[in-house]
Protein backbone atom coordinates (compact mmCIF):
# COMPACT_ATOMS: atom_id res chain seq x y z
CA MET A 1 -75.06 19.31 46.44
CA ASN A 2 -73.48 15.91 46.17
CA THR A 3 -70.26 15.87 48.29
CA HIS A 4 -69.24 12.16 47.87
CA PRO A 5 -65.54 11.93 48.60
CA HIS A 6 -64.74 10.38 45.26
CA GLN A 7 -66.48 13.38 43.37
CA VAL A 8 -64.65 15.88 45.45
CA HIS A 9 -61.33 14.33 44.81
CA ALA A 10 -62.06 14.16 41.00
CA THR A 11 -63.01 17.79 41.01
CA ASN A 12 -59.84 18.73 42.89
CA GLU A 13 -57.78 16.55 40.29
CA ALA A 14 -59.40 18.47 37.45
CA VAL A 15 -58.65 21.77 39.01
CA VAL A 16 -55.10 20.87 39.45
CA ALA A 17 -54.78 19.36 35.95
CA ALA A 18 -56.20 22.51 34.38
CA THR A 19 -53.93 24.82 36.43
CA THR A 20 -50.86 22.76 35.48
CA GLU A 21 -51.77 22.82 31.90
CA VAL A 22 -52.11 26.60 32.00
CA ASP A 23 -48.80 26.94 33.80
CA GLU A 24 -46.87 24.68 31.40
CA ALA A 25 -48.38 26.49 28.22
CA ALA A 26 -47.17 29.88 29.95
CA ALA A 27 -43.77 28.56 30.65
CA ALA A 28 -43.34 26.92 27.10
CA PRO A 29 -41.01 28.77 24.75
CA GLU A 30 -42.47 30.60 21.78
CA PRO A 31 -42.82 28.28 18.78
CA GLY A 32 -40.56 29.08 15.86
CA VAL A 33 -38.24 31.35 17.89
CA ASP A 34 -34.66 30.21 17.39
CA TYR A 35 -32.84 31.62 20.42
CA VAL A 36 -29.46 30.00 19.30
CA ALA A 37 -29.71 32.05 16.07
CA GLN A 38 -30.52 35.10 17.94
CA ARG A 39 -27.62 34.78 20.32
CA LYS A 40 -25.20 34.17 17.41
CA ALA A 41 -26.42 37.04 15.57
CA ALA A 42 -26.02 39.25 18.58
CA MET A 43 -22.41 37.91 19.09
CA TYR A 44 -21.48 38.66 15.42
CA GLU A 45 -22.99 42.15 15.85
CA LYS A 46 -21.09 42.85 19.08
CA ILE A 47 -17.85 41.56 17.50
CA ALA A 48 -18.33 43.96 14.54
CA GLU A 49 -19.08 46.95 16.86
CA LEU A 50 -15.71 46.14 18.55
CA SER A 51 -13.96 46.15 15.01
CA GLY A 52 -13.37 42.35 15.30
CA PRO A 53 -13.06 39.79 12.54
CA SER A 54 -15.74 39.53 9.95
CA GLU A 55 -18.04 36.67 9.77
CA ALA A 56 -16.15 35.42 6.71
CA GLN A 57 -12.91 35.44 8.70
CA ILE A 58 -14.58 33.49 11.49
CA ASP A 59 -15.79 31.07 8.97
CA ALA A 60 -12.20 30.65 7.58
CA TRP A 61 -10.82 29.99 11.00
CA LYS A 62 -13.72 27.43 11.74
CA GLN A 63 -12.74 25.52 8.38
CA SER A 64 -8.99 25.23 9.64
CA ALA A 65 -9.92 24.48 13.38
CA PRO A 66 -9.67 20.95 14.65
CA GLY A 67 -13.14 19.44 14.30
CA ASN A 68 -14.34 22.84 12.82
CA ARG A 69 -14.94 23.94 16.39
CA VAL A 70 -14.81 27.71 17.08
CA ARG A 71 -16.83 29.66 19.79
CA ALA A 72 -17.08 33.24 20.90
CA PHE A 73 -17.58 34.11 24.59
CA SER A 74 -17.62 37.00 27.01
CA LEU A 75 -17.74 36.78 30.81
CA ASP A 76 -18.56 40.42 31.15
CA ASN A 77 -19.99 41.84 27.85
CA VAL A 78 -16.95 43.96 27.68
CA ARG A 79 -14.11 41.60 26.82
CA PHE A 80 -14.68 39.09 24.05
CA TYR A 81 -12.77 36.15 22.93
CA ILE A 82 -12.84 33.80 19.88
CA VAL A 83 -11.38 30.39 20.63
CA ARG A 84 -10.95 27.26 18.67
CA ALA A 85 -10.30 23.63 19.56
CA ILE A 86 -6.82 22.21 20.09
CA GLY A 87 -5.64 19.27 18.20
CA GLY A 88 -3.78 16.28 19.80
CA LEU A 89 -0.36 16.96 18.20
CA GLU A 90 -0.70 20.69 19.20
CA PHE A 91 -1.36 19.73 22.81
CA ALA A 92 1.41 17.14 22.84
CA GLY A 93 3.89 20.03 21.54
CA ILE A 94 2.79 22.26 24.32
CA GLN A 95 3.30 19.56 26.90
CA LYS A 96 6.79 18.65 25.49
CA ASN A 97 7.72 22.28 25.89
CA ILE A 98 6.93 22.88 29.41
CA PRO A 99 10.23 23.16 31.35
CA GLN A 100 10.87 20.24 33.59
CA ASN A 101 11.46 22.40 36.55
CA SER A 102 8.02 24.17 36.10
CA THR A 103 6.35 24.55 39.60
CA ASN A 104 2.99 24.49 38.02
CA PRO A 105 2.95 22.62 34.59
CA GLN A 106 -0.87 22.58 34.42
CA LEU A 107 -1.03 26.36 34.45
CA GLU A 108 1.75 26.47 31.91
CA ILE A 109 -0.32 24.17 29.63
CA GLN A 110 -3.44 26.27 30.15
CA LEU A 111 -1.57 29.51 29.30
CA GLU A 112 0.16 28.23 26.26
CA ALA A 113 -3.10 26.48 24.93
CA ALA A 114 -5.04 29.78 25.64
CA VAL A 115 -2.44 31.72 23.60
CA LEU A 116 -2.49 29.12 20.61
CA CYS A 117 -6.22 28.73 20.50
CA THR A 118 -7.54 32.28 21.16
CA LEU A 119 -8.05 33.61 17.59
CA TRP A 120 -9.12 36.95 18.49
CA THR A 121 -9.82 39.16 21.64
CA SER A 122 -11.19 42.61 22.14
CA SER A 123 -9.00 43.04 25.35
CA THR A 124 -5.85 44.02 23.23
CA ARG A 125 -5.45 46.52 20.52
CA ASP A 126 -4.09 44.09 18.10
CA GLY A 127 -6.60 41.25 19.09
CA LYS A 128 -3.88 38.84 20.21
CA LEU A 129 -3.80 37.19 23.54
CA THR A 130 -0.32 36.73 25.05
CA SER A 131 1.21 34.74 27.68
CA ILE A 132 2.25 37.83 29.58
CA GLY A 133 -1.32 39.37 29.24
CA LEU A 134 -2.71 36.26 30.69
CA ARG A 135 -0.32 36.17 33.57
CA THR A 136 -0.86 39.71 34.53
CA GLY A 137 -4.68 39.73 33.88
CA THR A 138 -7.49 38.36 36.03
CA ALA A 139 -6.67 34.98 37.86
CA GLY A 140 -9.48 33.14 36.43
CA LEU A 141 -9.19 33.86 32.79
CA PRO A 142 -6.51 31.15 31.92
CA SER A 143 -8.68 28.44 33.43
CA SER A 144 -11.97 29.94 31.88
CA ILE A 145 -10.43 29.75 28.36
CA TRP A 146 -8.89 26.36 29.01
CA THR A 147 -12.30 25.04 29.96
CA LEU A 148 -13.67 26.34 26.73
CA ILE A 149 -10.79 24.77 24.73
CA GLU A 150 -11.48 21.47 26.55
CA THR A 151 -15.05 21.55 25.66
CA LEU A 152 -14.29 22.44 21.96
CA SER A 153 -11.81 19.61 22.02
CA ASP A 154 -13.94 16.91 23.27
CA TYR A 155 -12.57 16.54 26.64
CA ALA A 156 -15.16 15.13 28.86
CA ASP A 157 -15.51 15.31 32.62
CA PRO A 158 -15.62 11.82 34.00
CA GLN A 159 -18.98 12.49 35.61
CA ASP A 160 -20.28 13.39 32.05
CA PHE A 161 -19.53 9.89 30.82
CA GLN A 162 -22.73 8.52 32.77
CA THR A 163 -25.02 10.82 30.71
CA CYS A 164 -23.24 10.69 27.43
CA SER A 165 -22.34 6.96 27.30
CA VAL A 166 -23.95 3.50 27.55
CA GLU A 167 -22.46 0.25 28.64
CA LEU A 168 -22.99 -2.30 25.99
């Protein structure tokens, strides 16, 4: 048996390469499976189970939303929300209507934007989100909805600019 150091090293590299190739093939997603489409279909199905808006209604909302941006989300697979982007003039109107003596104007903006931009929710009988409902609900919900509104409305975290922009 030839045990020259270069041959042993080459054999070890071949084993590692073969193992890595098998592992990568096992971890690769199935070709042709559209997971985004599956998630979207499951969300439409769940909304229908909850007597929510039809796909046609959601498409109509999408057509009238700023940037045609609408998303559905659920943090617990029980309460569902359909949220749209906010327009610049709408946002300016909310800011203008916040009382000068407000102790937390950022929270007031989040609450008003969430009420305006939540098109439907399964958490109320009439499907409408209210400021009172947000104030008396779970503490994180207003900021979670606000984060979604920001995302849909093209607000970017300053840290994201490193990955989504290039200095010219």
